[in-house]
Each structure stands twice: as C-alpha cells, then as structure tokens.
Amino acid sequence: MSGKNQHVVRRDNSWAVRGEGNKRDTSHHQTQADAERAAREIAINQKSEVLIHGENGRIRERNSYGNDPFPPPG
C-alpha cells in the first residue's frame, strides 16, 4: 500500500512540504529545491508521489516514486 502524496507549496517567505490531507506542514525550507528534496525522500519511503506547486499555487510538476503501474499503460 502506498503512503500520502507529498505537496511542495509556497509559503510567505519559504516553501513547505505537506502530506496530502494533513492540516499542518511537515517541514519548511528556504528554497523550493530544498523542499523538493525533502518531499522526494518522504515519497520514496512511502512509495507515493510528489506534486510540486509553482508560485501561483498550480501544480507544475508531478513525480511518482514506487506507485507506478507495471506495465505502464499505452
């Protein structure tokens, strides 16, 4: 079974990692790249996805770690 997807989201002067459905952020980071690294580690451990939100809040990138269908469709 896979874990919660991890979202990288903008905060006032930083970036945060928040597990899907959580009320509070998991961690805060100075840069988006640092937040992405932290989210990726969690997603690898939980076999879930990382959804990276841009400055505008919209999802700009999505990466899956261990929850891919095999064989891939298509």
N, C-alpha and C. Protein backbone atom coordinates (compact mmCIF):
# COMPACT_ATOMS: atom_id res chain seq x y z
N MET A 1 0.84 -1.19 0.00
CA MET A 1 0.00 0.00 0.00
C MET A 1 0.88 1.25 0.00
N SER A 2 0.45 2.26 -0.70
CA SER A 2 1.27 3.47 -0.79
C SER A 2 0.86 4.48 0.28
N GLY A 3 1.78 5.42 0.55
CA GLY A 3 1.55 6.45 1.55
C GLY A 3 0.90 7.69 0.95
N LYS A 4 0.94 8.74 1.71
CA LYS A 4 0.34 10.00 1.28
C LYS A 4 1.21 10.71 0.25
N ASN A 5 0.56 11.29 -0.74
CA ASN A 5 1.29 12.12 -1.69
C ASN A 5 1.81 13.35 -0.96
N GLN A 6 2.97 13.83 -1.38
CA GLN A 6 3.61 14.98 -0.75
C GLN A 6 3.52 16.19 -1.68
N HIS A 7 3.07 17.31 -1.13
CA HIS A 7 2.93 18.53 -1.90
C HIS A 7 4.00 19.53 -1.49
N VAL A 8 4.67 20.13 -2.49
CA VAL A 8 5.62 21.22 -2.25
C VAL A 8 4.87 22.51 -2.56
N VAL A 9 4.67 23.34 -1.54
CA VAL A 9 3.83 24.53 -1.69
C VAL A 9 4.53 25.79 -1.19
N ARG A 10 4.16 26.92 -1.77
CA ARG A 10 4.74 28.22 -1.40
C ARG A 10 4.13 28.70 -0.09
N ARG A 11 4.97 29.26 0.74
CA ARG A 11 4.53 29.96 1.96
C ARG A 11 5.03 31.39 1.85
N ASP A 12 4.72 32.25 2.79
CA ASP A 12 5.06 33.67 2.68
C ASP A 12 6.49 33.91 2.20
N ASN A 13 7.47 33.45 2.95
CA ASN A 13 8.87 33.67 2.58
C ASN A 13 9.65 32.38 2.45
N SER A 14 8.94 31.28 2.24
CA SER A 14 9.62 29.99 2.18
C SER A 14 8.77 29.01 1.37
N TRP A 15 9.21 27.76 1.40
CA TRP A 15 8.49 26.65 0.76
C TRP A 15 8.25 25.59 1.81
N ALA A 16 7.16 24.84 1.66
CA ALA A 16 6.80 23.83 2.65
C ALA A 16 6.49 22.51 1.97
N VAL A 17 6.63 21.44 2.74
CA VAL A 17 6.20 20.11 2.34
C VAL A 17 4.99 19.77 3.19
N ARG A 18 3.93 19.33 2.54
CA ARG A 18 2.72 18.96 3.28
C ARG A 18 2.18 17.65 2.72
N GLY A 19 1.95 16.69 3.60
CA GLY A 19 1.34 15.43 3.20
C GLY A 19 -0.11 15.66 2.82
N GLU A 20 -0.56 15.00 1.78
CA GLU A 20 -1.94 15.17 1.30
C GLU A 20 -2.94 14.88 2.41
N GLY A 21 -3.84 15.81 2.64
CA GLY A 21 -4.86 15.64 3.67
C GLY A 21 -4.44 16.10 5.05
N ASN A 22 -3.16 16.43 5.23
CA ASN A 22 -2.69 16.89 6.54
C ASN A 22 -3.12 18.33 6.78
N LYS A 23 -3.36 18.66 8.05
CA LYS A 23 -3.72 20.02 8.42
C LYS A 23 -2.49 20.92 8.58
N ARG A 24 -1.35 20.30 8.89
CA ARG A 24 -0.13 21.08 9.12
C ARG A 24 0.97 20.65 8.17
N ASP A 25 1.89 21.60 7.91
CA ASP A 25 3.04 21.30 7.06
C ASP A 25 3.97 20.32 7.77
N THR A 26 4.61 19.48 6.99
CA THR A 26 5.59 18.53 7.52
C THR A 26 6.90 19.24 7.82
N SER A 27 7.33 20.14 6.89
CA SER A 27 8.59 20.85 7.07
C SER A 27 8.58 22.14 6.25
N HIS A 28 9.47 23.07 6.62
CA HIS A 28 9.62 24.34 5.91
C HIS A 28 11.07 24.49 5.44
N HIS A 29 11.24 25.14 4.27
CA HIS A 29 12.55 25.23 3.64
C HIS A 29 12.73 26.61 3.01
N GLN A 30 13.98 27.05 2.94
CA GLN A 30 14.29 28.35 2.35
C GLN A 30 14.04 28.38 0.85
N THR A 31 14.31 27.27 0.17
CA THR A 31 14.17 27.22 -1.28
C THR A 31 13.23 26.11 -1.71
N GLN A 32 12.69 26.27 -2.90
CA GLN A 32 11.82 25.23 -3.45
C GLN A 32 12.62 23.94 -3.66
N ALA A 33 13.87 24.07 -4.10
CA ALA A 33 14.70 22.89 -4.34
C ALA A 33 14.90 22.09 -3.05
N ASP A 34 15.12 22.77 -1.93
CA ASP A 34 15.27 22.06 -0.65
C ASP A 34 13.98 21.35 -0.27
N ALA A 35 12.85 22.00 -0.49
CA ALA A 35 11.56 21.38 -0.19
C ALA A 35 11.32 20.18 -1.09
N GLU A 36 11.70 20.29 -2.36
CA GLU A 36 11.54 19.16 -3.28
C GLU A 36 12.35 17.96 -2.82
N ARG A 37 13.59 18.19 -2.38
CA ARG A 37 14.44 17.09 -1.90
C ARG A 37 13.80 16.40 -0.70
N ALA A 38 13.30 17.18 0.24
CA ALA A 38 12.67 16.62 1.44
C ALA A 38 11.42 15.83 1.08
N ALA A 39 10.61 16.38 0.17
CA ALA A 39 9.38 15.69 -0.25
C ALA A 39 9.71 14.39 -0.98
N ARG A 40 10.77 14.42 -1.80
CA ARG A 40 11.17 13.22 -2.54
C ARG A 40 11.58 12.10 -1.58
N GLU A 41 12.34 12.43 -0.54
CA GLU A 41 12.75 11.41 0.44
C GLU A 41 11.54 10.75 1.08
N ILE A 42 10.56 11.56 1.47
CA ILE A 42 9.34 11.02 2.09
C ILE A 42 8.60 10.15 1.09
N ALA A 43 8.45 10.64 -0.14
CA ALA A 43 7.71 9.90 -1.16
C ALA A 43 8.38 8.57 -1.49
N ILE A 44 9.71 8.55 -1.54
CA ILE A 44 10.42 7.29 -1.80
C ILE A 44 10.13 6.30 -0.67
N ASN A 45 10.20 6.77 0.57
CA ASN A 45 9.94 5.89 1.72
C ASN A 45 8.51 5.38 1.73
N GLN A 46 7.57 6.22 1.31
CA GLN A 46 6.15 5.86 1.37
C GLN A 46 5.62 5.32 0.04
N LYS A 47 6.49 5.27 -0.98
CA LYS A 47 6.06 4.83 -2.31
C LYS A 47 4.85 5.63 -2.79
N SER A 48 5.01 6.95 -2.79
CA SER A 48 3.92 7.85 -3.18
C SER A 48 4.41 8.85 -4.21
N GLU A 49 3.68 9.94 -4.40
CA GLU A 49 4.03 10.94 -5.40
C GLU A 49 4.40 12.27 -4.76
N VAL A 50 5.17 13.06 -5.51
CA VAL A 50 5.48 14.44 -5.12
C VAL A 50 4.79 15.34 -6.15
N LEU A 51 4.00 16.29 -5.65
CA LEU A 51 3.34 17.27 -6.51
C LEU A 51 3.94 18.62 -6.20
N ILE A 52 4.59 19.22 -7.19
CA ILE A 52 5.29 20.48 -6.99
C ILE A 52 4.42 21.61 -7.52
N HIS A 53 4.07 22.53 -6.63
CA HIS A 53 3.24 23.67 -6.98
C HIS A 53 4.14 24.85 -7.30
N GLY A 54 3.76 25.63 -8.29
CA GLY A 54 4.51 26.83 -8.64
C GLY A 54 4.14 27.99 -7.71
N GLU A 55 4.72 29.15 -7.97
CA GLU A 55 4.44 30.35 -7.18
C GLU A 55 2.95 30.67 -7.16
N ASN A 56 2.25 30.35 -8.26
CA ASN A 56 0.83 30.66 -8.37
C ASN A 56 -0.07 29.62 -7.70
N GLY A 57 0.53 28.58 -7.12
CA GLY A 57 -0.24 27.55 -6.43
C GLY A 57 -0.68 26.39 -7.30
N ARG A 58 -0.54 26.52 -8.61
CA ARG A 58 -0.96 25.44 -9.50
C ARG A 58 0.14 24.38 -9.60
N ILE A 59 -0.27 23.13 -9.77
CA ILE A 59 0.70 22.03 -9.90
C ILE A 59 1.45 22.19 -11.22
N ARG A 60 2.78 22.22 -11.13
CA ARG A 60 3.59 22.39 -12.34
C ARG A 60 4.39 21.14 -12.67
N GLU A 61 4.50 20.22 -11.71
CA GLU A 61 5.27 19.00 -11.94
C GLU A 61 4.78 17.93 -10.98
N ARG A 62 4.85 16.67 -11.45
CA ARG A 62 4.40 15.55 -10.63
C ARG A 62 5.38 14.40 -10.86
N ASN A 63 5.88 13.82 -9.76
CA ASN A 63 6.83 12.71 -9.86
C ASN A 63 6.36 11.57 -8.98
N SER A 64 6.41 10.37 -9.52
CA SER A 64 5.95 9.19 -8.80
C SER A 64 7.16 8.36 -8.34
N TYR A 65 7.08 7.86 -7.11
CA TYR A 65 8.16 7.05 -6.54
C TYR A 65 7.60 5.73 -6.02
N GLY A 66 7.56 4.73 -6.90
CA GLY A 66 7.18 3.39 -6.46
C GLY A 66 5.71 3.08 -6.55
N ASN A 67 4.89 3.98 -7.07
CA ASN A 67 3.47 3.71 -7.17
C ASN A 67 3.03 3.64 -8.62
N ASP A 68 3.96 3.36 -9.52
CA ASP A 68 3.65 3.31 -10.95
C ASP A 68 3.03 1.96 -11.31
N PRO A 69 2.06 1.99 -12.24
CA PRO A 69 1.52 0.70 -12.71
C PRO A 69 2.56 0.01 -13.57
N PHE A 70 2.58 -1.33 -13.52
CA PHE A 70 3.50 -2.06 -14.37
C PHE A 70 2.73 -3.18 -15.04
N PRO A 71 2.78 -3.34 -16.31
CA PRO A 71 3.49 -2.42 -17.22
C PRO A 71 2.74 -1.09 -17.36
N PRO A 72 3.45 -0.05 -17.77
CA PRO A 72 2.77 1.24 -17.94
C PRO A 72 1.75 1.18 -19.06
N PRO A 73 0.63 1.91 -18.92
CA PRO A 73 -0.38 1.89 -19.97
C PRO A 73 0.15 2.51 -21.27
N GLY A 74 -0.39 2.06 -22.40
CA GLY A 74 -0.03 2.65 -23.68
C GLY A 74 1.00 1.87 -24.36
